[in-house]
Amino acid sequence: MKLYISNSHKSLYEKDINKLLKIEDKFEQDHLDGLGVDELKHEFDFTIMPIIHSIEHPVAAEYIFGMALGHPHTYTRYRLVDFVERWLPYFSAIETIVRLTHDPDDLVSFRAIEICGKERIEESYKFLSTIIGEASIKVHTPNKPVGLGAQKVLTSLVDLLGTEDPEELEIIEKFYLNKGHLFNKYDFEEKIPIDLLEEFCNKEEEGMVLIPGGFFIYGLDPHQIPDKTFGWEDASPSQKVWLPPFFIDKYPTTNKEYDEFVYSIKTDGHIFCHPNEPEEKEHQRNTYWDKRFKPDHPVTGIDWYDAFAYARWKGKELPTEFQWEKAARGTDGLIWPWGNSFEGKKVNWAGRWLEEEPLNLKDWREGITKFNEKIPLEPIKKAQTFENTSSPYGIVGMIGNHWEWTRSDLETRREFHPIFNDKMGKDSKRHAFAVLKGGSFFSMPGLMYPSYRGKDIPFCRHNEMGFRCVRNIPINKIRRAIGRPLTNKAVY
């Protein structure tokens, strides 16, 4: 089972695109319409699908996802659904398969509906239940609609929710409608084959640190919260969480590194950007024109889409909040990376650059609102300044200095899907905010402990927001290796 790494991911992308170019004419409408039924099926079976199934790069795969959603030829969309399924639960494959449940042709939509149930795609519940209503009612009162499509949807919802019992279905559906997700099983250990784990862990990733797979303590119990001034309730209680191994950048991404990415965007285009980022998005950081933010400083002034695009450009990903917290706290449940007490001299926080440490909220607000183009002289510090306050794994600069974006949704703690936000109802906060971690030079201690869950919308830039990247075993390869849908939702 092959795993691509950063210095080869762009060449892999080019290789995959060249494969697609060789069969580009096979997808022309005139060509497809000119084939008989047997010829069409033969061409897909022996020419098109073998090439498509050899695609390994996620961005190249997303071109196929786009055809599955938008190609005018129904049989083509139908056949490409199988390719989308092979990439589950990769984020854009999830988004694609969920949207395909509303394809206008039931040849396509029925297949996508079946897959959503079989693969237990939580995000599909809202889309499927709008077709027939709540499964707990429909399972014993099959009111309109009553055709095959309605029964397909009901079967899929039963598979997704894991029971046919009306009372159990009602409990699960109420939980989902309240929380936006199914029951958590963060402590479930996925049985990933040893050879896949060894192949991944035996690599050396430049500038990255391997975080071993296993359990850690996520969150804090109420009595452990170091400062309850700010909204702390969603950082509690503590929970046992299992994660597979991953690599994480030892240092956050710098301005110099990020600016190289922006230059590549201007020359090569938005190849590796999020498929749902705003059209014609400008990726220039908003600190570019402020000389206080030097090339070797951690990058700030970027939004979630910027951070996501840089990570994929490097062949990496943003960390989940679970990965970030484990990398910061280790496995012993420490409150801070260095221990259980806040030490202001070890981090860059509001009390470091203000004339006096703020004693209360009023002092803090009055202090940080003095920030301008001259004060302070150096808002951000080099990450290496905090080398002696690294985490138990040796990860540097995780507390204070700047917030760090994750790819976790604030409301559900699942993968952040901004495309779904407007589909969840006008009052829903699901997929509206991504989780931020670590606090910044504007922060008080109550915002900086690793379990604290900051938030912001994905298209908002502030000069206190940065990021670092991770490298994972590709999630779709884990799914294929274990031979069933993943149970542990902390993994993705």
Protein backbone atom coordinates (compact mmCIF):
# COMPACT_ATOMS: atom_id res chain seq x y z
CA MET A 1 0.00 0.00 0.00
CA LYS A 2 1.73 3.18 -1.20
CA LEU A 3 1.99 6.36 0.84
CA TYR A 4 3.08 9.58 -0.85
CA ILE A 5 5.30 12.09 0.94
CA SER A 6 5.77 15.82 0.63
CA ASN A 7 8.67 15.98 -1.80
CA SER A 8 6.84 13.73 -4.23
CA HIS A 9 3.20 14.70 -3.87
CA LYS A 10 3.33 17.31 -6.64
CA SER A 11 4.92 14.87 -9.05
CA LEU A 12 2.28 12.33 -8.09
CA TYR A 13 -0.38 14.92 -8.84
CA GLU A 14 1.15 15.61 -12.26
CA LYS A 15 1.33 11.89 -12.99
CA ASP A 16 -2.33 11.45 -12.11
CA ILE A 17 -3.39 14.44 -14.19
CA ASN A 18 -1.53 13.01 -17.18
CA LYS A 19 -3.48 9.78 -16.74
CA LEU A 20 -6.74 11.71 -16.83
CA LEU A 21 -5.67 13.65 -19.91
CA LYS A 22 -5.19 10.39 -21.78
CA ILE A 23 -8.85 9.49 -21.32
CA GLU A 24 -10.25 13.02 -21.46
CA ASP A 25 -11.88 12.39 -24.86
CA LYS A 26 -13.67 9.34 -23.41
CA PHE A 27 -15.86 11.68 -21.36
CA GLU A 28 -16.98 13.82 -24.29
CA GLN A 29 -20.76 13.75 -24.62
CA ASP A 30 -20.69 13.04 -28.36
CA HIS A 31 -18.33 10.11 -27.83
CA LEU A 32 -20.49 8.61 -25.07
CA ASP A 33 -23.72 9.09 -27.05
CA GLY A 34 -22.17 7.34 -30.05
CA LEU A 35 -21.56 4.09 -28.16
CA GLY A 36 -24.03 1.26 -27.90
CA VAL A 37 -24.99 -0.02 -24.46
CA ASP A 38 -22.56 -2.95 -24.52
CA GLU A 39 -19.78 -0.79 -25.98
CA LEU A 40 -20.33 1.86 -23.30
CA LYS A 41 -20.14 -0.65 -20.46
CA HIS A 42 -17.09 -2.32 -21.98
CA GLU A 43 -15.28 1.03 -22.28
CA PHE A 44 -15.95 1.86 -18.64
CA ASP A 45 -15.02 -1.63 -17.42
CA PHE A 46 -11.77 -2.02 -19.35
CA THR A 47 -10.54 1.47 -20.24
CA ILE A 48 -11.94 4.24 -18.05
CA MET A 49 -12.36 2.72 -14.58
CA PRO A 50 -8.98 0.93 -14.36
CA ILE A 51 -7.23 4.24 -15.02
CA ILE A 52 -9.46 6.19 -12.67
CA HIS A 53 -9.00 3.67 -9.86
CA SER A 54 -5.23 4.12 -10.16
CA ILE A 55 -5.50 7.79 -9.14
CA GLU A 56 -3.71 8.36 -5.82
CA HIS A 57 -3.54 12.12 -5.32
CA PRO A 58 -6.59 13.64 -3.55
CA VAL A 59 -6.62 16.79 -5.68
CA ALA A 60 -6.60 14.73 -8.88
CA ALA A 61 -9.38 12.62 -7.35
CA GLU A 62 -11.43 15.77 -6.85
CA TYR A 63 -11.57 16.31 -10.60
CA ILE A 64 -13.36 12.97 -10.79
CA PHE A 65 -15.62 13.96 -7.90
CA GLY A 66 -16.59 17.03 -9.91
CA MET A 67 -17.53 14.89 -12.89
CA ALA A 68 -19.58 12.60 -10.64
CA LEU A 69 -21.56 15.65 -9.57
CA GLY A 70 -21.84 17.54 -12.81
CA HIS A 71 -21.33 15.38 -15.90
CA PRO A 72 -24.45 15.53 -18.13
CA HIS A 73 -24.27 11.82 -18.94
CA THR A 74 -26.20 9.82 -16.34
CA TYR A 75 -24.37 6.51 -16.78
CA THR A 76 -21.05 8.32 -16.38
CA ARG A 77 -22.14 9.83 -13.07
CA TYR A 78 -23.42 6.43 -11.97
CA ARG A 79 -20.12 4.69 -12.63
CA LEU A 80 -18.08 7.43 -10.97
CA VAL A 81 -20.00 6.99 -7.71
CA ASP A 82 -17.92 3.85 -7.11
CA PHE A 83 -14.74 5.90 -7.37
CA VAL A 84 -16.04 8.41 -4.83
CA GLU A 85 -16.85 5.53 -2.46
CA ARG A 86 -13.23 4.31 -2.59
CA TRP A 87 -12.06 7.66 -1.24
CA LEU A 88 -14.36 7.73 1.79
CA PRO A 89 -14.08 9.13 4.41
CA TYR A 90 -11.78 11.78 2.87
CA PHE A 91 -13.48 15.13 3.42
CA SER A 92 -14.27 15.99 -0.21
CA ALA A 93 -15.47 12.43 -0.90
CA ILE A 94 -17.93 12.81 1.98
CA GLU A 95 -19.14 16.13 0.60
CA THR A 96 -19.53 14.59 -2.86
CA ILE A 97 -21.38 11.42 -1.83
CA VAL A 98 -23.79 13.42 0.33
CA ARG A 99 -24.59 15.79 -2.53
CA LEU A 100 -25.07 12.84 -4.89
CA THR A 101 -27.97 11.62 -2.73
CA HIS A 102 -29.94 14.44 -4.38
CA ASP A 103 -28.88 13.66 -7.96
CA PRO A 104 -31.94 14.08 -10.24
CA ASP A 105 -31.58 10.55 -11.61
CA ASP A 106 -32.29 7.66 -9.24
CA LEU A 107 -29.68 5.50 -10.96
CA VAL A 108 -27.16 7.80 -9.29
CA SER A 109 -28.98 8.96 -6.17
CA PHE A 110 -30.03 5.46 -5.06
CA ARG A 111 -26.43 4.26 -5.21
CA ALA A 112 -25.22 7.25 -3.21
CA ILE A 113 -28.00 6.77 -0.65
CA GLU A 114 -26.99 3.12 -0.16
CA ILE A 115 -23.35 4.11 0.35
CA CYS A 116 -24.24 6.75 2.96
CA GLY A 117 -25.93 4.08 5.04
CA LYS A 118 -23.31 1.40 4.53
CA GLU A 119 -20.43 3.78 5.33
CA ARG A 120 -22.39 5.46 8.16
CA ILE A 121 -21.81 8.97 6.83
CA GLU A 122 -23.15 11.14 9.66
CA GLU A 123 -23.31 14.25 7.51
CA SER A 124 -25.89 12.57 5.27
CA TYR A 125 -28.57 12.36 7.96
CA LYS A 126 -29.78 15.92 7.47
CA PHE A 127 -29.97 15.40 3.69
CA LEU A 128 -31.73 12.01 3.83
CA SER A 129 -34.21 12.88 6.55
CA THR A 130 -35.44 15.86 4.52
CA ILE A 131 -36.66 13.34 1.91
CA ILE A 132 -38.86 11.14 4.15
CA GLY A 133 -38.76 12.64 7.65
CA GLU A 134 -37.60 10.95 10.86
CA ALA A 135 -36.71 7.27 10.57
CA SER A 136 -38.19 6.52 14.01
CA ILE A 137 -41.64 7.43 12.61
CA LYS A 138 -41.28 6.12 9.06
CA VAL A 139 -40.04 2.69 10.16
CA HIS A 140 -43.55 1.80 11.37
CA THR A 141 -45.71 4.49 9.71
CA PRO A 142 -44.65 4.61 6.03
CA ASN A 143 -46.69 7.64 5.01
CA LYS A 144 -46.01 9.49 1.74
CA PRO A 145 -43.68 9.19 -0.09
CA VAL A 146 -44.07 5.41 -0.33
CA GLY A 147 -42.13 4.45 -3.47
CA LEU A 148 -38.84 2.61 -3.83
CA GLY A 149 -36.86 5.80 -3.24
CA ALA A 150 -38.45 6.34 0.17
CA GLN A 151 -37.68 2.76 1.19
CA LYS A 152 -34.08 3.15 -0.01
CA VAL A 153 -33.72 6.27 2.14
CA LEU A 154 -35.30 4.59 5.16
CA THR A 155 -33.02 1.56 4.81
CA SER A 156 -30.01 3.84 4.60
CA LEU A 157 -31.07 5.81 7.68
CA VAL A 158 -31.56 2.57 9.62
CA ASP A 159 -28.06 1.44 8.58
CA LEU A 160 -26.64 4.84 9.50
CA LEU A 161 -28.32 4.95 12.91
CA GLY A 162 -27.55 1.30 13.63
CA THR A 163 -30.97 -0.03 14.67
CA GLU A 164 -34.51 -0.76 13.45
CA ASP A 165 -36.08 -0.38 16.88
CA PRO A 166 -38.40 2.69 16.81
CA GLU A 167 -37.66 3.67 20.42
CA GLU A 168 -33.90 3.41 19.92
CA LEU A 169 -34.17 5.32 16.64
CA GLU A 170 -36.05 8.11 18.41
CA ILE A 171 -33.33 8.42 21.07
CA ILE A 172 -30.55 8.47 18.49
CA GLU A 173 -32.33 10.97 16.23
CA LYS A 174 -33.03 13.33 19.13
CA PHE A 175 -29.36 13.13 20.11
CA TYR A 176 -28.30 13.88 16.54
CA LEU A 177 -30.70 16.80 16.15
CA ASN A 178 -29.39 18.26 19.41
CA LYS A 179 -25.65 17.58 18.95
CA GLY A 180 -25.26 17.42 15.16
CA HIS A 181 -23.52 14.05 15.30
CA LEU A 182 -24.01 10.46 16.45
CA PHE A 183 -22.66 9.04 19.71
CA ASN A 184 -18.93 9.50 20.21
CA LYS A 185 -16.59 6.54 20.44
CA TYR A 186 -13.35 8.44 20.83
CA ASP A 187 -11.76 5.65 22.89
CA PHE A 188 -12.23 2.97 20.21
CA GLU A 189 -8.91 1.61 18.96
CA GLU A 190 -9.01 1.03 15.21
CA LYS A 191 -7.13 -2.13 14.22
CA ILE A 192 -4.84 -0.72 11.54
CA PRO A 193 -2.62 -3.39 9.95
CA ILE A 194 0.91 -3.50 11.34
CA ASP A 195 2.57 -3.21 7.92
CA LEU A 196 0.72 0.04 7.20
CA LEU A 197 1.69 1.46 10.58
CA GLU A 198 5.34 0.45 10.23
CA GLU A 199 5.62 1.87 6.73
CA PHE A 200 4.30 5.19 7.99
CA CYS A 201 6.20 5.39 11.29
CA ASN A 202 9.55 4.37 9.81
CA LYS A 203 9.66 7.41 7.52
CA GLU A 204 11.63 10.54 8.36
CA GLU A 205 9.76 13.77 7.74
CA GLU A 206 11.92 16.88 7.62
CA GLY A 207 11.01 19.38 10.31
CA MET A 208 8.30 17.12 11.75
CA VAL A 209 7.97 14.99 14.88
CA LEU A 210 6.27 11.61 15.05
CA ILE A 211 3.46 11.46 17.61
CA PRO A 212 2.95 7.75 18.40
CA GLY A 213 -0.47 6.20 18.11
CA GLY A 214 -2.37 5.41 21.28
CA PHE A 215 -4.46 6.94 24.02
CA PHE A 216 -4.26 10.37 25.64
CA ILE A 217 -6.39 12.57 27.88
CA TYR A 218 -8.43 15.12 25.91
CA GLY A 219 -10.03 17.99 27.81
CA LEU A 220 -9.97 18.81 31.52
CA ASP A 221 -12.27 18.14 34.44
CA PRO A 222 -13.94 21.27 35.84
CA HIS A 223 -11.66 21.48 38.87
CA GLN A 224 -8.60 21.44 36.56
CA ILE A 225 -9.63 24.45 34.45
CA PRO A 226 -6.93 27.03 35.26
CA ASP A 227 -9.09 30.09 34.60
CA LYS A 228 -12.87 30.16 34.20
CA THR A 229 -13.07 33.78 33.04
CA PHE A 230 -13.83 32.77 29.48
CA GLY A 231 -16.20 30.19 27.98
CA TRP A 232 -14.58 27.00 29.25
CA GLU A 233 -17.46 24.51 29.47
CA ASP A 234 -16.75 22.81 26.12
CA ALA A 235 -13.19 22.05 27.26
CA SER A 236 -14.61 19.77 29.94
CA PRO A 237 -14.85 16.98 31.05
CA SER A 238 -11.70 15.04 30.36
CA GLN A 239 -12.03 12.05 28.02
CA LYS A 240 -9.88 9.13 26.96
CA VAL A 241 -9.18 9.40 23.21
CA TRP A 242 -7.34 7.06 20.85
CA LEU A 243 -5.51 8.33 17.75
CA PRO A 244 -3.37 6.63 15.11
CA PRO A 245 0.21 7.90 14.72
CA PHE A 246 0.83 11.17 12.91
CA PHE A 247 3.64 13.60 12.20
CA ILE A 248 3.33 17.25 13.24
CA ASP A 249 5.51 20.24 12.41
CA LYS A 250 7.96 20.98 15.20
CA TYR A 251 7.56 24.70 14.52
CA PRO A 252 4.64 26.69 13.13
CA THR A 253 4.70 27.79 9.48
CA THR A 254 6.70 31.02 8.99
CA ASN A 255 5.95 34.13 6.94
CA LYS A 256 8.76 33.22 4.54
CA GLU A 257 7.34 29.75 3.96
CA TYR A 258 3.82 31.05 3.54
CA ASP A 259 4.87 33.82 1.13
CA GLU A 260 6.48 31.18 -1.11
CA PHE A 261 3.10 29.49 -1.27
CA VAL A 262 1.36 32.76 -2.21
CA TYR A 263 3.88 33.27 -5.01
CA SER A 264 3.15 29.77 -6.32
CA ILE A 265 -0.58 30.54 -6.32
CA LYS A 266 0.05 33.58 -8.49
CA THR A 267 2.09 31.53 -10.97
CA ASP A 268 0.41 28.11 -10.89
CA GLY A 269 -3.14 28.88 -9.78
CA HIS A 270 -5.31 27.53 -6.96
CA ILE A 271 -4.54 23.87 -7.62
CA PHE A 272 -4.30 22.74 -4.00
CA CYS A 273 -6.85 25.08 -2.45
CA HIS A 274 -10.06 23.99 -0.75
CA PRO A 275 -12.65 23.07 -3.40
CA ASN A 276 -15.22 25.29 -1.68
CA GLU A 277 -13.12 28.35 -0.94
CA PRO A 278 -14.58 31.70 -2.12
CA GLU A 279 -14.14 32.32 -5.85
CA GLU A 280 -11.08 34.35 -6.89
CA LYS A 281 -9.82 34.26 -3.30
CA GLU A 282 -6.72 36.30 -2.52
CA HIS A 283 -4.30 34.41 -0.25
CA GLN A 284 -2.00 37.28 0.73
CA ARG A 285 -1.60 37.50 4.52
CA ASN A 286 -2.77 40.77 6.02
CA THR A 287 0.50 41.21 7.94
CA TYR A 288 2.50 41.38 4.69
CA TRP A 289 2.64 45.19 4.81
CA ASP A 290 3.61 45.41 8.51
CA LYS A 291 7.39 45.15 8.87
CA ARG A 292 7.09 44.05 12.48
CA PHE A 293 6.01 40.64 11.17
CA LYS A 294 9.37 39.38 9.92
CA PRO A 295 10.12 36.51 7.50
CA ASP A 296 11.24 34.13 10.27
CA HIS A 297 8.23 34.88 12.46
CA PRO A 298 5.29 32.47 12.51
CA VAL A 299 2.80 33.41 9.82
CA THR A 300 -0.31 35.25 10.98
CA GLY A 301 -2.99 37.30 9.29
CA ILE A 302 -4.37 34.29 7.44
CA ASP A 303 -7.79 32.62 7.50
CA TRP A 304 -8.78 28.94 7.60
CA TYR A 305 -8.91 28.62 3.80
CA ASP A 306 -5.38 30.06 3.58
CA ALA A 307 -4.07 27.59 6.13
CA PHE A 308 -5.84 24.66 4.46
CA ALA A 309 -4.46 25.59 1.03
CA TYR A 310 -0.88 25.92 2.29
CA ALA A 311 -1.08 22.55 4.05
CA ARG A 312 -2.27 20.76 0.88
CA TRP A 313 0.30 22.62 -1.21
CA LYS A 314 2.91 21.02 1.08
CA GLY A 315 1.26 17.61 0.79
CA LYS A 316 0.09 17.84 4.41
CA GLU A 317 -3.09 18.64 6.35
CA LEU A 318 -4.21 20.85 9.20
CA PRO A 319 -4.33 18.97 12.50
CA THR A 320 -7.59 18.00 14.13
CA GLU A 321 -8.11 19.54 17.55
CA PHE A 322 -7.45 16.08 19.02
CA GLN A 323 -4.07 15.82 17.28
CA TRP A 324 -3.13 19.34 18.30
CA GLU A 325 -4.03 18.76 21.94
CA LYS A 326 -2.19 15.46 22.15
CA ALA A 327 0.93 17.03 20.62
CA ALA A 328 0.72 19.87 23.17
CA ARG A 329 -0.09 17.91 26.35
CA GLY A 330 1.35 14.43 25.84
CA THR A 331 -0.30 11.38 27.36
CA ASP A 332 -0.11 12.23 31.08
CA GLY A 333 -2.95 14.76 31.14
CA LEU A 334 -0.83 17.84 31.80
CA ILE A 335 -2.73 21.13 31.87
CA TRP A 336 0.11 23.00 30.14
CA PRO A 337 2.86 21.56 27.90
CA TRP A 338 5.43 22.06 30.71
CA GLY A 339 3.30 21.12 33.74
CA ASN A 340 0.18 22.08 35.64
CA SER A 341 0.82 25.75 36.46
CA PHE A 342 0.83 28.76 34.16
CA GLU A 343 4.23 30.42 33.82
CA GLY A 344 3.89 33.79 32.10
CA LYS A 345 7.60 34.17 31.40
CA LYS A 346 7.51 31.10 29.17
CA VAL A 347 5.01 32.44 26.62
CA ASN A 348 4.15 35.50 24.57
CA TRP A 349 0.82 36.70 25.98
CA ALA A 350 -0.94 39.98 26.75
CA GLY A 351 0.90 40.37 30.03
CA ARG A 352 4.25 40.24 28.25
CA TRP A 353 3.92 43.34 26.08
CA LEU A 354 1.55 45.49 28.13
CA GLU A 355 3.14 47.87 30.62
CA GLU A 356 1.56 45.93 33.48
CA GLU A 357 0.03 42.46 33.68
CA PRO A 358 -3.77 42.86 33.51
CA LEU A 359 -5.44 42.04 36.81
CA ASN A 360 -8.99 41.82 35.49
CA LEU A 361 -11.07 41.91 32.30
CA LYS A 362 -11.26 45.71 32.31
CA ASP A 363 -7.47 46.04 32.50
CA TRP A 364 -7.09 43.44 29.75
CA ARG A 365 -9.56 45.09 27.36
CA GLU A 366 -8.11 48.54 27.89
CA GLY A 367 -4.63 47.17 27.42
CA ILE A 368 -4.98 45.18 24.21
CA THR A 369 -7.09 47.85 22.51
CA LYS A 370 -3.98 50.06 22.61
CA PHE A 371 -2.54 47.84 19.87
CA ASN A 372 -1.67 49.86 16.76
CA GLU A 373 0.97 50.11 14.04
CA LYS A 374 3.65 51.04 16.59
CA ILE A 375 2.62 49.28 19.78
CA PRO A 376 4.05 46.79 20.54
CA LEU A 377 7.35 46.91 18.63
CA GLU A 378 7.37 43.13 18.14
CA PRO A 379 3.93 41.52 18.55
CA ILE A 380 5.05 38.06 17.39
CA LYS A 381 8.21 36.28 18.51
CA LYS A 382 10.21 33.67 16.63
CA ALA A 383 8.99 30.21 17.61
CA GLN A 384 12.54 29.24 18.55
CA THR A 385 12.32 31.78 21.39
CA PHE A 386 10.22 29.20 23.23
CA GLU A 387 12.47 26.20 22.59
CA ASN A 388 12.83 25.53 26.32
CA THR A 389 9.06 25.38 26.84
CA SER A 390 8.30 22.72 24.26
CA SER A 391 5.65 20.04 24.69
CA PRO A 392 6.42 16.53 26.01
CA TYR A 393 7.03 15.53 22.37
CA GLY A 394 9.35 18.48 21.69
CA ILE A 395 6.80 20.55 19.72
CA VAL A 396 7.69 24.23 20.02
CA GLY A 397 5.58 27.36 20.42
CA MET A 398 2.14 25.86 20.97
CA ILE A 399 1.03 28.27 23.72
CA GLY A 400 0.60 32.01 23.23
CA ASN A 401 2.23 34.04 20.45
CA HIS A 402 -0.51 33.16 17.93
CA TRP A 403 -3.60 30.99 17.67
CA GLU A 404 -3.38 27.90 15.46
CA TRP A 405 -6.10 26.77 13.06
CA THR A 406 -7.33 23.18 13.17
CA ARG A 407 -9.60 21.28 10.79
CA SER A 408 -12.17 20.53 13.50
CA ASP A 409 -15.70 21.91 13.63
CA LEU A 410 -16.47 23.76 16.86
CA GLU A 411 -20.00 22.42 17.27
CA THR A 412 -19.53 18.74 16.40
CA ARG A 413 -15.75 18.22 16.90
CA ARG A 414 -15.83 16.39 13.56
CA GLU A 415 -14.08 17.33 10.30
CA PHE A 416 -14.90 20.96 9.44
CA HIS A 417 -17.10 21.14 6.31
CA PRO A 418 -17.89 24.81 5.59
CA ILE A 419 -19.90 23.72 2.52
CA PHE A 420 -22.52 22.14 4.81
CA ASN A 421 -23.14 25.18 7.01
CA ASP A 422 -25.99 26.64 4.95
CA LYS A 423 -27.60 23.18 4.68
CA MET A 424 -28.03 22.74 8.43
CA GLY A 425 -30.75 25.34 8.98
CA LYS A 426 -30.59 29.09 9.40
CA ASP A 427 -29.97 28.93 13.15
CA SER A 428 -27.39 26.15 13.08
CA LYS A 429 -23.80 26.78 14.12
CA ARG A 430 -22.62 23.44 12.71
CA HIS A 431 -19.76 23.87 10.25
CA ALA A 432 -19.81 27.62 10.83
CA PHE A 433 -16.72 27.86 13.05
CA ALA A 434 -13.38 26.06 12.96
CA VAL A 435 -11.55 25.38 16.22
CA LEU A 436 -8.51 27.50 17.12
CA LYS A 437 -5.95 26.44 19.69
CA GLY A 438 -3.19 27.90 21.86
CA GLY A 439 -4.03 31.58 22.38
CA SER A 440 -1.98 34.56 21.17
CA PHE A 441 -0.08 37.67 22.18
CA PHE A 442 -3.49 39.24 22.89
CA SER A 443 -4.58 36.41 25.22
CA MET A 444 -5.01 35.91 28.93
CA PRO A 445 -4.13 32.53 30.52
CA GLY A 446 -7.80 31.49 30.39
CA LEU A 447 -7.57 31.43 26.59
CA MET A 448 -4.24 29.64 26.26
CA TYR A 449 -4.35 26.26 27.99
CA PRO A 450 -4.28 23.50 25.32
CA SER A 451 -7.78 22.20 26.07
CA TYR A 452 -9.38 25.61 25.48
CA ARG A 453 -11.39 25.69 22.24
CA GLY A 454 -11.23 29.02 20.43
CA LYS A 455 -13.22 29.61 17.26
CA ASP A 456 -13.61 31.74 14.15
CA ILE A 457 -15.34 31.70 10.78
CA PRO A 458 -13.20 30.28 7.96
CA PHE A 459 -12.84 33.48 5.93
CA CYS A 460 -11.79 35.85 8.73
CA ARG A 461 -8.18 37.03 8.98
CA HIS A 462 -6.56 38.35 12.14
CA ASN A 463 -2.93 39.16 12.86
CA GLU A 464 -2.95 36.67 15.75
CA MET A 465 -3.91 33.52 13.77
CA GLY A 466 -1.38 31.08 12.36
CA PHE A 467 -1.00 27.31 11.98
CA ARG A 468 1.23 24.28 11.69
CA CYS A 469 0.67 21.12 9.65
CA VAL A 470 0.44 17.38 10.16
CA ARG A 471 0.98 14.36 7.99
CA ASN A 472 -1.38 11.40 8.38
CA ILE A 473 -1.83 7.93 7.02
CA PRO A 474 -4.40 8.77 4.31
CA ILE A 475 -7.80 8.24 5.89
CA ASN A 476 -9.28 6.44 2.86
CA LYS A 477 -6.38 3.96 2.99
CA ILE A 478 -7.06 3.29 6.66
CA ARG A 479 -10.70 2.62 5.76
CA ARG A 480 -9.76 0.14 3.04
CA ALA A 481 -7.13 -1.52 5.21
CA ILE A 482 -9.49 -2.24 8.13
CA GLY A 483 -12.29 -3.35 5.80
CA ARG A 484 -15.13 -1.43 7.44
CA PRO A 485 -16.21 2.14 8.23
CA LEU A 486 -14.18 3.81 10.99
CA THR A 487 -15.83 3.73 14.42
CA ASN A 488 -13.63 6.33 16.13
CA LYS A 489 -14.72 9.78 14.94
CA ALA A 490 -11.71 11.48 16.56
CA VAL A 491 -9.61 10.01 13.75
CA TYR A 492 -11.19 12.31 11.14
